[in-house]
Amino acid sequence: LEQAAQDNADDAEKMQEQKASEEEIN
């Protein structure tokens, strides 16, 4: 369960990084 929570946190962090990267491209 803790690993699943960590995976979700990692996914959220990746999404934020991707969003920031997209904003930089824009």
PDB file of all heavy atoms in Angstrom:
ATOM      1  N   LEU A   1       0.823  -1.203   0.000  1.00  0.00           N
ATOM      2  CA  LEU A   1       0.000   0.000   0.000  1.00  0.00           C
ATOM      3  C   LEU A   1       0.862   1.260   0.000  1.00  0.00           C
ATOM      4  O   LEU A   1       0.575   2.232  -0.698  1.00  0.00           O
ATOM      5  CB  LEU A   1      -0.936  -0.003   1.222  1.00  0.00           C
ATOM      6  CG  LEU A   1      -1.981  -1.113   1.255  1.00  0.00           C
ATOM      7  CD1 LEU A   1      -2.742  -1.072   2.569  1.00  0.00           C
ATOM      8  CD2 LEU A   1      -2.937  -0.975   0.089  1.00  0.00           C
ATOM      9  N   GLU A   2       1.945   1.222   0.809  1.00  0.00           N
ATOM     10  CA  GLU A   2       2.845   2.367   0.854  1.00  0.00           C
ATOM     11  C   GLU A   2       3.523   2.580  -0.498  1.00  0.00           C
ATOM     12  O   GLU A   2       3.704   3.707  -0.953  1.00  0.00           O
ATOM     13  CB  GLU A   2       3.914   2.150   1.939  1.00  0.00           C
ATOM     14  CG  GLU A   2       3.350   2.236   3.355  1.00  0.00           C
ATOM     15  CD  GLU A   2       4.351   1.762   4.399  1.00  0.00           C
ATOM     16  OE1 GLU A   2       5.475   1.380   3.999  1.00  0.00           O
ATOM     17  OE2 GLU A   2       4.001   1.767   5.592  1.00  0.00           O
ATOM     18  N   GLN A   3       3.889   1.469  -1.176  1.00  0.00           N
ATOM     19  CA  GLN A   3       4.506   1.578  -2.485  1.00  0.00           C
ATOM     20  C   GLN A   3       3.523   2.165  -3.491  1.00  0.00           C
ATOM     21  O   GLN A   3       3.899   2.968  -4.351  1.00  0.00           O
ATOM     22  CB  GLN A   3       4.980   0.196  -2.961  1.00  0.00           C
ATOM     23  CG  GLN A   3       5.736   0.212  -4.286  1.00  0.00           C
ATOM     24  CD  GLN A   3       6.993   1.048  -4.236  1.00  0.00           C
ATOM     25  OE1 GLN A   3       7.785   0.911  -3.313  1.00  0.00           O
ATOM     26  NE2 GLN A   3       7.152   1.947  -5.201  1.00  0.00           N
ATOM     27  N   ALA A   4       2.245   1.733  -3.389  1.00  0.00           N
ATOM     28  CA  ALA A   4       1.228   2.276  -4.289  1.00  0.00           C
ATOM     29  C   ALA A   4       1.068   3.776  -4.081  1.00  0.00           C
ATOM     30  O   ALA A   4       0.940   4.543  -5.045  1.00  0.00           O
ATOM     31  CB  ALA A   4      -0.114   1.559  -4.060  1.00  0.00           C
ATOM     32  N   ALA A   5       1.079   4.195  -2.800  1.00  0.00           N
ATOM     33  CA  ALA A   5       0.983   5.625  -2.499  1.00  0.00           C
ATOM     34  C   ALA A   5       2.192   6.374  -3.064  1.00  0.00           C
ATOM     35  O   ALA A   5       2.060   7.480  -3.616  1.00  0.00           O
ATOM     36  CB  ALA A   5       0.890   5.841  -0.989  1.00  0.00           C
ATOM     37  N   GLN A   6       3.387   5.755  -2.927  1.00  0.00           N
ATOM     38  CA  GLN A   6       4.598   6.382  -3.456  1.00  0.00           C
ATOM     39  C   GLN A   6       4.531   6.475  -4.981  1.00  0.00           C
ATOM     40  O   GLN A   6       4.932   7.478  -5.573  1.00  0.00           O
ATOM     41  CB  GLN A   6       5.834   5.579  -3.034  1.00  0.00           C
ATOM     42  CG  GLN A   6       7.166   6.182  -3.477  1.00  0.00           C
ATOM     43  CD  GLN A   6       7.389   7.565  -2.885  1.00  0.00           C
ATOM     44  OE1 GLN A   6       7.240   7.759  -1.688  1.00  0.00           O
ATOM     45  NE2 GLN A   6       7.728   8.525  -3.740  1.00  0.00           N
ATOM     46  N   ASP A   7       4.018   5.409  -5.610  1.00  0.00           N
ATOM     47  CA  ASP A   7       3.878   5.417  -7.069  1.00  0.00           C
ATOM     48  C   ASP A   7       2.950   6.531  -7.517  1.00  0.00           C
ATOM     49  O   ASP A   7       3.208   7.212  -8.520  1.00  0.00           O
ATOM     50  CB  ASP A   7       3.330   4.067  -7.557  1.00  0.00           C
ATOM     51  CG  ASP A   7       4.352   2.945  -7.396  1.00  0.00           C
ATOM     52  OD1 ASP A   7       5.546   3.261  -7.226  1.00  0.00           O
ATOM     53  OD2 ASP A   7       3.938   1.767  -7.426  1.00  0.00           O
ATOM     54  N   ASN A   8       1.845   6.714  -6.756  1.00  0.00           N
ATOM     55  CA  ASN A   8       0.916   7.795  -7.088  1.00  0.00           C
ATOM     56  C   ASN A   8       1.590   9.156  -6.947  1.00  0.00           C
ATOM     57  O   ASN A   8       1.385  10.054  -7.768  1.00  0.00           O
ATOM     58  CB  ASN A   8      -0.320   7.733  -6.179  1.00  0.00           C
ATOM     59  CG  ASN A   8      -1.196   6.542  -6.489  1.00  0.00           C
ATOM     60  OD1 ASN A   8      -1.161   6.020  -7.605  1.00  0.00           O
ATOM     61  ND2 ASN A   8      -1.967   6.086  -5.515  1.00  0.00           N
ATOM     62  N   ALA A   9       2.390   9.306  -5.877  1.00  0.00           N
ATOM     63  CA  ALA A   9       3.111  10.564  -5.667  1.00  0.00           C
ATOM     64  C   ALA A   9       4.113  10.805  -6.785  1.00  0.00           C
ATOM     65  O   ALA A   9       4.261  11.924  -7.287  1.00  0.00           O
ATOM     66  CB  ALA A   9       3.826  10.536  -4.315  1.00  0.00           C
ATOM     67  N   ASP A  10       4.806   9.729  -7.195  1.00  0.00           N
ATOM     68  CA  ASP A  10       5.771   9.845  -8.293  1.00  0.00           C
ATOM     69  C   ASP A  10       5.074  10.232  -9.586  1.00  0.00           C
ATOM     70  O   ASP A  10       5.578  11.063 -10.362  1.00  0.00           O
ATOM     71  CB  ASP A  10       6.522   8.520  -8.486  1.00  0.00           C
ATOM     72  CG  ASP A  10       7.445   8.204  -7.315  1.00  0.00           C
ATOM     73  OD1 ASP A  10       7.746   9.133  -6.543  1.00  0.00           O
ATOM     74  OD2 ASP A  10       7.850   7.032  -7.186  1.00  0.00           O
ATOM     75  N   ASP A  11       3.883   9.610  -9.823  1.00  0.00           N
ATOM     76  CA  ASP A  11       3.124   9.947 -11.036  1.00  0.00           C
ATOM     77  C   ASP A  11       2.702  11.408 -11.024  1.00  0.00           C
ATOM     78  O   ASP A  11       2.761  12.098 -12.056  1.00  0.00           O
ATOM     79  CB  ASP A  11       1.876   9.055 -11.145  1.00  0.00           C
ATOM     80  CG  ASP A  11       2.239   7.607 -11.453  1.00  0.00           C
ATOM     81  OD1 ASP A  11       3.366   7.368 -11.914  1.00  0.00           O
ATOM     82  OD2 ASP A  11       1.390   6.719 -11.220  1.00  0.00           O
ATOM     83  N   ALA A  12       2.266  11.887  -9.838  1.00  0.00           N
ATOM     84  CA  ALA A  12       1.854  13.288  -9.719  1.00  0.00           C
ATOM     85  C   ALA A  12       3.032  14.220  -9.975  1.00  0.00           C
ATOM     86  O   ALA A  12       2.891  15.252 -10.655  1.00  0.00           O
ATOM     87  CB  ALA A  12       1.281  13.538  -8.324  1.00  0.00           C
ATOM     88  N   GLU A  13       4.203  13.827  -9.452  1.00  0.00           N
ATOM     89  CA  GLU A  13       5.399  14.654  -9.655  1.00  0.00           C
ATOM     90  C   GLU A  13       5.787  14.701 -11.134  1.00  0.00           C
ATOM     91  O   GLU A  13       6.144  15.755 -11.665  1.00  0.00           O
ATOM     92  CB  GLU A  13       6.560  14.088  -8.825  1.00  0.00           C
ATOM     93  CG  GLU A  13       7.802  14.964  -8.854  1.00  0.00           C
ATOM     94  CD  GLU A  13       8.887  14.419  -7.953  1.00  0.00           C
ATOM     95  OE1 GLU A  13       8.595  13.532  -7.139  1.00  0.00           O
ATOM     96  OE2 GLU A  13      10.036  14.873  -8.082  1.00  0.00           O
ATOM     97  N   LYS A  14       5.684  13.537 -11.796  1.00  0.00           N
ATOM     98  CA  LYS A  14       5.998  13.481 -13.218  1.00  0.00           C
ATOM     99  C   LYS A  14       5.045  14.345 -14.032  1.00  0.00           C
ATOM    100  O   LYS A  14       5.433  15.012 -14.994  1.00  0.00           O
ATOM    101  CB  LYS A  14       5.934  12.030 -13.716  1.00  0.00           C
ATOM    102  CG  LYS A  14       7.100  11.171 -13.244  1.00  0.00           C
ATOM    103  CD  LYS A  14       6.932   9.744 -13.724  1.00  0.00           C
ATOM    104  CE  LYS A  14       8.073   8.873 -13.206  1.00  0.00           C
ATOM    105  NZ  LYS A  14       7.903   7.452 -13.608  1.00  0.00           N
ATOM    106  N   MET A  15       3.764  14.312 -13.622  1.00  0.00           N
ATOM    107  CA  MET A  15       2.766  15.127 -14.328  1.00  0.00           C
ATOM    108  C   MET A  15       3.070  16.602 -14.166  1.00  0.00           C
ATOM    109  O   MET A  15       2.950  17.392 -15.111  1.00  0.00           O
ATOM    110  CB  MET A  15       1.362  14.805 -13.803  1.00  0.00           C
ATOM    111  CG  MET A  15       0.835  13.437 -14.226  1.00  0.00           C
ATOM    112  SD  MET A  15      -0.827  13.087 -13.602  1.00  0.00           S
ATOM    113  CE  MET A  15      -1.763  14.325 -14.479  1.00  0.00           C
ATOM    114  N   GLN A  16       3.490  17.000 -12.940  1.00  0.00           N
ATOM    115  CA  GLN A  16       3.850  18.397 -12.710  1.00  0.00           C
ATOM    116  C   GLN A  16       5.061  18.796 -13.545  1.00  0.00           C
ATOM    117  O   GLN A  16       5.097  19.888 -14.131  1.00  0.00           O
ATOM    118  CB  GLN A  16       4.130  18.621 -11.226  1.00  0.00           C
ATOM    119  CG  GLN A  16       2.892  18.563 -10.344  1.00  0.00           C
ATOM    120  CD  GLN A  16       3.219  18.783  -8.884  1.00  0.00           C
ATOM    121  OE1 GLN A  16       4.384  18.786  -8.495  1.00  0.00           O
ATOM    122  NE2 GLN A  16       2.190  18.956  -8.078  1.00  0.00           N
ATOM    123  N   GLU A  17       6.061  17.883 -13.600  1.00  0.00           N
ATOM    124  CA  GLU A  17       7.246  18.164 -14.410  1.00  0.00           C
ATOM    125  C   GLU A  17       6.900  18.288 -15.881  1.00  0.00           C
ATOM    126  O   GLU A  17       7.400  19.171 -16.585  1.00  0.00           O
ATOM    127  CB  GLU A  17       8.287  17.054 -14.203  1.00  0.00           C
ATOM    128  CG  GLU A  17       8.929  17.060 -12.817  1.00  0.00           C
ATOM    129  CD  GLU A  17       9.850  15.882 -12.612  1.00  0.00           C
ATOM    130  OE1 GLU A  17       9.907  15.028 -13.524  1.00  0.00           O
ATOM    131  OE2 GLU A  17      10.504  15.805 -11.556  1.00  0.00           O
ATOM    132  N   GLN A  18       6.001  17.375 -16.337  1.00  0.00           N
ATOM    133  CA  GLN A  18       5.587  17.414 -17.730  1.00  0.00           C
ATOM    134  C   GLN A  18       4.827  18.703 -18.038  1.00  0.00           C
ATOM    135  O   GLN A  18       5.019  19.327 -19.078  1.00  0.00           O
ATOM    136  CB  GLN A  18       4.710  16.198 -18.039  1.00  0.00           C
ATOM    137  CG  GLN A  18       4.297  16.094 -19.514  1.00  0.00           C
ATOM    138  CD  GLN A  18       3.490  14.839 -19.780  1.00  0.00           C
ATOM    139  OE1 GLN A  18       3.302  14.023 -18.896  1.00  0.00           O
ATOM    140  NE2 GLN A  18       3.020  14.699 -21.008  1.00  0.00           N
ATOM    141  N   LYS A  19       3.966  19.111 -17.083  1.00  0.00           N
ATOM    142  CA  LYS A  19       3.189  20.328 -17.261  1.00  0.00           C
ATOM    143  C   LYS A  19       4.111  21.544 -17.319  1.00  0.00           C
ATOM    144  O   LYS A  19       3.939  22.440 -18.161  1.00  0.00           O
ATOM    145  CB  LYS A  19       2.185  20.484 -16.118  1.00  0.00           C
ATOM    146  CG  LYS A  19       1.233  21.663 -16.276  1.00  0.00           C
ATOM    147  CD  LYS A  19       0.220  21.677 -15.133  1.00  0.00           C
ATOM    148  CE  LYS A  19      -0.723  22.860 -15.292  1.00  0.00           C
ATOM    149  NZ  LYS A  19      -1.709  22.923 -14.193  1.00  0.00           N
ATOM    150  N   ALA A  20       5.114  21.563 -16.412  1.00  0.00           N
ATOM    151  CA  ALA A  20       6.065  22.675 -16.400  1.00  0.00           C
ATOM    152  C   ALA A  20       6.855  22.722 -17.699  1.00  0.00           C
ATOM    153  O   ALA A  20       7.110  23.792 -18.256  1.00  0.00           O
ATOM    154  CB  ALA A  20       7.013  22.523 -15.208  1.00  0.00           C
ATOM    155  N   SER A  21       7.215  21.509 -18.183  1.00  0.00           N
ATOM    156  CA  SER A  21       7.963  21.438 -19.435  1.00  0.00           C
ATOM    157  C   SER A  21       7.123  21.951 -20.588  1.00  0.00           C
ATOM    158  O   SER A  21       7.608  22.687 -21.468  1.00  0.00           O
ATOM    159  CB  SER A  21       8.388  19.988 -19.688  1.00  0.00           C
ATOM    160  OG  SER A  21       9.045  19.863 -20.918  1.00  0.00           O
ATOM    161  N   GLU A  22       5.824  21.580 -20.601  1.00  0.00           N
ATOM    162  CA  GLU A  22       4.929  22.046 -21.661  1.00  0.00           C
ATOM    163  C   GLU A  22       4.760  23.561 -21.620  1.00  0.00           C
ATOM    164  O   GLU A  22       4.703  24.231 -22.656  1.00  0.00           O
ATOM    165  CB  GLU A  22       3.566  21.355 -21.537  1.00  0.00           C
ATOM    166  CG  GLU A  22       3.606  19.865 -21.893  1.00  0.00           C
ATOM    167  CD  GLU A  22       2.296  19.178 -21.589  1.00  0.00           C
ATOM    168  OE1 GLU A  22       1.417  19.837 -20.967  1.00  0.00           O
ATOM    169  OE2 GLU A  22       2.153  17.996 -21.954  1.00  0.00           O
ATOM    170  N   GLU A  23       4.688  24.111 -20.383  1.00  0.00           N
ATOM    171  CA  GLU A  23       4.562  25.567 -20.242  1.00  0.00           C
ATOM    172  C   GLU A  23       5.804  26.269 -20.770  1.00  0.00           C
ATOM    173  O   GLU A  23       5.727  27.304 -21.422  1.00  0.00           O
ATOM    174  CB  GLU A  23       4.333  25.919 -18.767  1.00  0.00           C
ATOM    175  CG  GLU A  23       2.949  25.540 -18.263  1.00  0.00           C
ATOM    176  CD  GLU A  23       2.783  25.802 -16.784  1.00  0.00           C
ATOM    177  OE1 GLU A  23       3.785  26.125 -16.130  1.00  0.00           O
ATOM    178  OE2 GLU A  23       1.641  25.668 -16.288  1.00  0.00           O
ATOM    179  N   GLU A  24       6.999  25.661 -20.497  1.00  0.00           N
ATOM    180  CA  GLU A  24       8.237  26.248 -21.010  1.00  0.00           C
ATOM    181  C   GLU A  24       8.247  26.245 -22.535  1.00  0.00           C
ATOM    182  O   GLU A  24       8.683  27.216 -23.175  1.00  0.00           O
ATOM    183  CB  GLU A  24       9.442  25.467 -20.478  1.00  0.00           C
ATOM    184  CG  GLU A  24       9.709  25.691 -18.995  1.00  0.00           C
ATOM    185  CD  GLU A  24      10.871  24.857 -18.495  1.00  0.00           C
ATOM    186  OE1 GLU A  24      11.493  24.170 -19.329  1.00  0.00           O
ATOM    187  OE2 GLU A  24      11.145  24.896 -17.282  1.00  0.00           O
ATOM    188  N   ILE A  25       7.766  25.118 -23.113  1.00  0.00           N
ATOM    189  CA  ILE A  25       7.715  25.029 -24.576  1.00  0.00           C
ATOM    190  C   ILE A  25       6.774  26.075 -25.136  1.00  0.00           C
ATOM    191  O   ILE A  25       7.067  26.748 -26.137  1.00  0.00           O
ATOM    192  CB  ILE A  25       7.270  23.618 -25.009  1.00  0.00           C
ATOM    193  CG1 ILE A  25       8.362  22.605 -24.654  1.00  0.00           C
ATOM    194  CG2 ILE A  25       6.956  23.562 -26.493  1.00  0.00           C
ATOM    195  CD1 ILE A  25       7.944  21.162 -24.827  1.00  0.00           C
ATOM    196  N   ASN A  26       5.600  26.250 -24.482  1.00  0.00           N
ATOM    197  CA  ASN A  26       4.628  27.231 -24.941  1.00  0.00           C
ATOM    198  C   ASN A  26       5.204  28.643 -24.889  1.00  0.00           C
ATOM    199  O   ASN A  26       5.002  29.454 -25.796  1.00  0.00           O
ATOM    200  CB  ASN A  26       3.347  27.149 -24.106  1.00  0.00           C
ATOM    201  CG  ASN A  26       2.587  25.857 -24.378  1.00  0.00           C
ATOM    202  OD1 ASN A  26       2.731  25.250 -25.447  1.00  0.00           O
ATOM    203  ND2 ASN A  26       1.774  25.432 -23.406  1.00  0.00           N
TER     204      ASN A  26
END
